[in-house]
Amino acid sequence: MKFLIPLLLITPLAACSWGIKLDSAGRDVRVAWNDDVSACRDLGRITVSVLGKVGPMDRSQVKVNDELEVMARNEAATMHANTIKPLADASDGEQSWGAYACSSAPASPARDANARSSEALETFPLKEN
């Protein structure tokens, strides 16, 4: 019984990030992981954050990174950016991204390899068992 009460209090916090979804405008924003964005117009910086820990437990870094990317893409769309690039690695559930307007946003290598259009791609957090 001692452990049940803290567990019941922490469980709702774990659900906080389940509502992070890529919106329709965010789908049009590509991620330039290793691409040169020097020919693009710099529109500013985006800093996004999610819970990196739930109580004393660290969340999966893959989930945290996926959620940070989705949030950055959604935010970039509100700035009329069509490309984002991470400015630093995620740390403690927070990450900064550069937002850019590129005249032609080429598909990322992963998309070329899979031959998928941007409309067919959506990021979902992984489910741990």
C-alpha atoms as a PDB file:
ATOM      1  CA  MET A   1       0.000   0.000   0.000  1.00  0.00           C
ATOM      2  CA  LYS A   2       2.957   2.295   0.719  1.00  0.00           C
ATOM      3  CA  PHE A   3       4.065   2.137  -2.891  1.00  0.00           C
ATOM      4  CA  LEU A   4       0.609   2.319  -4.422  1.00  0.00           C
ATOM      5  CA  ILE A   5      -0.042   5.963  -3.507  1.00  0.00           C
ATOM      6  CA  PRO A   6       3.195   7.350  -5.042  1.00  0.00           C
ATOM      7  CA  LEU A   7       2.620   5.192  -8.118  1.00  0.00           C
ATOM      8  CA  LEU A   8      -0.887   6.586  -8.535  1.00  0.00           C
ATOM      9  CA  LEU A   9       0.472  10.130  -8.218  1.00  0.00           C
ATOM     10  CA  ILE A  10       3.262   9.601 -10.768  1.00  0.00           C
ATOM     11  CA  THR A  11       1.223   7.722 -13.382  1.00  0.00           C
ATOM     12  CA  PRO A  12      -0.707  10.794 -14.641  1.00  0.00           C
ATOM     13  CA  LEU A  13       2.591  12.620 -15.177  1.00  0.00           C
ATOM     14  CA  ALA A  14       3.812   9.876 -17.461  1.00  0.00           C
ATOM     15  CA  ALA A  15       0.806  10.497 -19.701  1.00  0.00           C
ATOM     16  CA  CYS A  16       1.566  14.197 -20.184  1.00  0.00           C
ATOM     17  CA  SER A  17       3.520  13.721 -23.403  1.00  0.00           C
ATOM     18  CA  TRP A  18       1.085  11.321 -25.058  1.00  0.00           C
ATOM     19  CA  GLY A  19      -0.751  14.282 -26.575  1.00  0.00           C
ATOM     20  CA  ILE A  20       2.276  15.470 -28.566  1.00  0.00           C
ATOM     21  CA  LYS A  21       1.335  14.978 -32.203  1.00  0.00           C
ATOM     22  CA  LEU A  22       2.715  16.275 -35.455  1.00  0.00           C
ATOM     23  CA  ASP A  23       0.138  18.719 -36.806  1.00  0.00           C
ATOM     24  CA  SER A  24      -0.647  19.246 -40.489  1.00  0.00           C
ATOM     25  CA  ALA A  25       1.597  22.318 -40.802  1.00  0.00           C
ATOM     26  CA  GLY A  26       4.457  20.555 -38.980  1.00  0.00           C
ATOM     27  CA  ARG A  27       4.380  17.764 -41.561  1.00  0.00           C
ATOM     28  CA  ASP A  28       5.694  20.223 -44.150  1.00  0.00           C
ATOM     29  CA  VAL A  29       8.759  21.070 -42.042  1.00  0.00           C
ATOM     30  CA  ARG A  30      11.780  18.908 -42.745  1.00  0.00           C
ATOM     31  CA  VAL A  31      14.670  18.201 -40.385  1.00  0.00           C
ATOM     32  CA  ALA A  32      18.124  18.986 -41.775  1.00  0.00           C
ATOM     33  CA  TRP A  33      20.114  16.677 -39.518  1.00  0.00           C
ATOM     34  CA  ASN A  34      23.413  17.000 -41.396  1.00  0.00           C
ATOM     35  CA  ASP A  35      22.483  19.301 -44.258  1.00  0.00           C
ATOM     36  CA  ASP A  36      24.044  22.693 -44.912  1.00  0.00           C
ATOM     37  CA  VAL A  37      21.496  25.438 -44.284  1.00  0.00           C
ATOM     38  CA  SER A  38      23.809  28.364 -45.154  1.00  0.00           C
ATOM     39  CA  ALA A  39      21.768  29.135 -48.298  1.00  0.00           C
ATOM     40  CA  CYS A  40      18.574  29.339 -46.229  1.00  0.00           C
ATOM     41  CA  ARG A  41      17.145  32.386 -44.487  1.00  0.00           C
ATOM     42  CA  ASP A  42      17.527  32.125 -40.707  1.00  0.00           C
ATOM     43  CA  LEU A  43      14.150  32.763 -39.053  1.00  0.00           C
ATOM     44  CA  GLY A  44      15.260  32.315 -35.464  1.00  0.00           C
ATOM     45  CA  ARG A  45      15.695  29.831 -32.704  1.00  0.00           C
ATOM     46  CA  ILE A  46      13.188  27.401 -31.209  1.00  0.00           C
ATOM     47  CA  THR A  47      13.632  25.867 -27.779  1.00  0.00           C
ATOM     48  CA  VAL A  48      11.290  23.050 -26.840  1.00  0.00           C
ATOM     49  CA  SER A  49      11.067  20.925 -23.719  1.00  0.00           C
ATOM     50  CA  VAL A  50       9.315  17.826 -22.432  1.00  0.00           C
ATOM     51  CA  LEU A  51       9.535  15.833 -19.229  1.00  0.00           C
ATOM     52  CA  GLY A  52      12.875  14.042 -19.151  1.00  0.00           C
ATOM     53  CA  LYS A  53      12.039  12.303 -15.900  1.00  0.00           C
ATOM     54  CA  VAL A  54       8.893  11.010 -14.280  1.00  0.00           C
ATOM     55  CA  GLY A  55       9.546  11.146 -10.572  1.00  0.00           C
ATOM     56  CA  PRO A  56      12.875   9.482  -9.948  1.00  0.00           C
ATOM     57  CA  MET A  57      12.826   7.573 -13.259  1.00  0.00           C
ATOM     58  CA  ASP A  58      14.399   8.767 -16.510  1.00  0.00           C
ATOM     59  CA  ARG A  59      12.190   8.534 -19.592  1.00  0.00           C
ATOM     60  CA  SER A  60      13.422   6.773 -22.707  1.00  0.00           C
ATOM     61  CA  GLN A  61      15.816   9.099 -24.553  1.00  0.00           C
ATOM     62  CA  VAL A  62      14.358   7.925 -27.878  1.00  0.00           C
ATOM     63  CA  LYS A  63      10.869   8.998 -26.793  1.00  0.00           C
ATOM     64  CA  VAL A  64      12.132  12.322 -25.482  1.00  0.00           C
ATOM     65  CA  ASN A  65      14.050  13.027 -28.716  1.00  0.00           C
ATOM     66  CA  ASP A  66      11.042  12.099 -30.889  1.00  0.00           C
ATOM     67  CA  GLU A  67       8.749  14.379 -28.906  1.00  0.00           C
ATOM     68  CA  LEU A  68      11.238  17.265 -29.048  1.00  0.00           C
ATOM     69  CA  GLU A  69      11.471  16.918 -32.830  1.00  0.00           C
ATOM     70  CA  VAL A  70       7.684  16.878 -33.233  1.00  0.00           C
ATOM     71  CA  MET A  71       7.301  19.959 -31.054  1.00  0.00           C
ATOM     72  CA  ALA A  72      10.066  21.798 -32.936  1.00  0.00           C
ATOM     73  CA  ARG A  73       8.498  20.991 -36.313  1.00  0.00           C
ATOM     74  CA  ASN A  74       5.086  22.199 -35.138  1.00  0.00           C
ATOM     75  CA  GLU A  75       6.558  25.423 -33.739  1.00  0.00           C
ATOM     76  CA  ALA A  76       8.644  26.053 -36.881  1.00  0.00           C
ATOM     77  CA  ALA A  77       5.500  25.937 -38.986  1.00  0.00           C
ATOM     78  CA  THR A  78       4.040  28.821 -36.963  1.00  0.00           C
ATOM     79  CA  MET A  79       7.179  30.818 -37.873  1.00  0.00           C
ATOM     80  CA  HIS A  80       6.710  30.002 -41.596  1.00  0.00           C
ATOM     81  CA  ALA A  81       9.880  27.928 -41.585  1.00  0.00           C
ATOM     82  CA  ASN A  82      10.132  24.868 -43.819  1.00  0.00           C
ATOM     83  CA  THR A  83      13.350  23.467 -42.321  1.00  0.00           C
ATOM     84  CA  ILE A  84      14.733  22.975 -38.823  1.00  0.00           C
ATOM     85  CA  LYS A  85      18.155  21.874 -37.662  1.00  0.00           C
ATOM     86  CA  PRO A  86      19.180  20.875 -34.129  1.00  0.00           C
ATOM     87  CA  LEU A  87      21.599  23.395 -32.619  1.00  0.00           C
ATOM     88  CA  ALA A  88      22.627  21.074 -29.792  1.00  0.00           C
ATOM     89  CA  ASP A  89      21.841  17.633 -28.424  1.00  0.00           C
ATOM     90  CA  ALA A  90      18.867  17.265 -26.118  1.00  0.00           C
ATOM     91  CA  SER A  91      19.669  17.706 -22.440  1.00  0.00           C
ATOM     92  CA  ASP A  92      17.310  17.254 -19.481  1.00  0.00           C
ATOM     93  CA  GLY A  93      14.303  17.110 -21.817  1.00  0.00           C
ATOM     94  CA  GLU A  94      15.171  20.370 -23.607  1.00  0.00           C
ATOM     95  CA  GLN A  95      16.604  21.097 -27.053  1.00  0.00           C
ATOM     96  CA  SER A  96      17.265  24.152 -29.216  1.00  0.00           C
ATOM     97  CA  TRP A  97      16.662  24.171 -32.952  1.00  0.00           C
ATOM     98  CA  GLY A  98      17.328  26.658 -35.734  1.00  0.00           C
ATOM     99  CA  ALA A  99      14.352  27.527 -37.939  1.00  0.00           C
ATOM    100  CA  TYR A 100      15.013  28.281 -41.610  1.00  0.00           C
ATOM    101  CA  ALA A 101      13.185  29.192 -44.798  1.00  0.00           C
ATOM    102  CA  CYS A 102      14.902  27.354 -47.622  1.00  0.00           C
ATOM    103  CA  SER A 103      13.996  28.065 -51.245  1.00  0.00           C
ATOM    104  CA  SER A 104      13.883  24.368 -52.031  1.00  0.00           C
ATOM    105  CA  ALA A 105      13.886  21.909 -49.184  1.00  0.00           C
ATOM    106  CA  PRO A 106      15.356  18.695 -50.589  1.00  0.00           C
ATOM    107  CA  ALA A 107      14.188  15.453 -49.076  1.00  0.00           C
ATOM    108  CA  SER A 108      16.369  14.077 -46.327  1.00  0.00           C
ATOM    109  CA  PRO A 109      18.469  10.958 -47.123  1.00  0.00           C
ATOM    110  CA  ALA A 110      16.126   8.776 -45.052  1.00  0.00           C
ATOM    111  CA  ARG A 111      13.169   9.883 -47.130  1.00  0.00           C
ATOM    112  CA  ASP A 112      15.059   9.330 -50.395  1.00  0.00           C
ATOM    113  CA  ALA A 113      16.029   5.823 -49.286  1.00  0.00           C
ATOM    114  CA  ASN A 114      12.450   4.955 -48.433  1.00  0.00           C
ATOM    115  CA  ALA A 115      10.977   6.819 -51.424  1.00  0.00           C
ATOM    116  CA  ARG A 116       8.166   8.260 -49.324  1.00  0.00           C
ATOM    117  CA  SER A 117       6.549  11.644 -49.614  1.00  0.00           C
ATOM    118  CA  SER A 118       6.410  13.974 -46.598  1.00  0.00           C
ATOM    119  CA  GLU A 119       2.650  13.435 -46.359  1.00  0.00           C
ATOM    120  CA  ALA A 120       3.176   9.721 -45.704  1.00  0.00           C
ATOM    121  CA  LEU A 121       5.539  10.233 -42.766  1.00  0.00           C
ATOM    122  CA  GLU A 122       4.536  10.805 -39.189  1.00  0.00           C
ATOM    123  CA  THR A 123       6.555  10.497 -35.995  1.00  0.00           C
ATOM    124  CA  PHE A 124       5.129   8.403 -33.189  1.00  0.00           C
ATOM    125  CA  PRO A 125       6.716   7.822 -29.786  1.00  0.00           C
ATOM    126  CA  LEU A 126       7.848   4.238 -29.318  1.00  0.00           C
ATOM    127  CA  LYS A 127       5.996   2.035 -26.887  1.00  0.00           C
ATOM    128  CA  GLU A 128       8.100   0.257 -24.294  1.00  0.00           C
ATOM    129  CA  ASN A 129       6.994  -3.039 -22.838  1.00  0.00           C
END
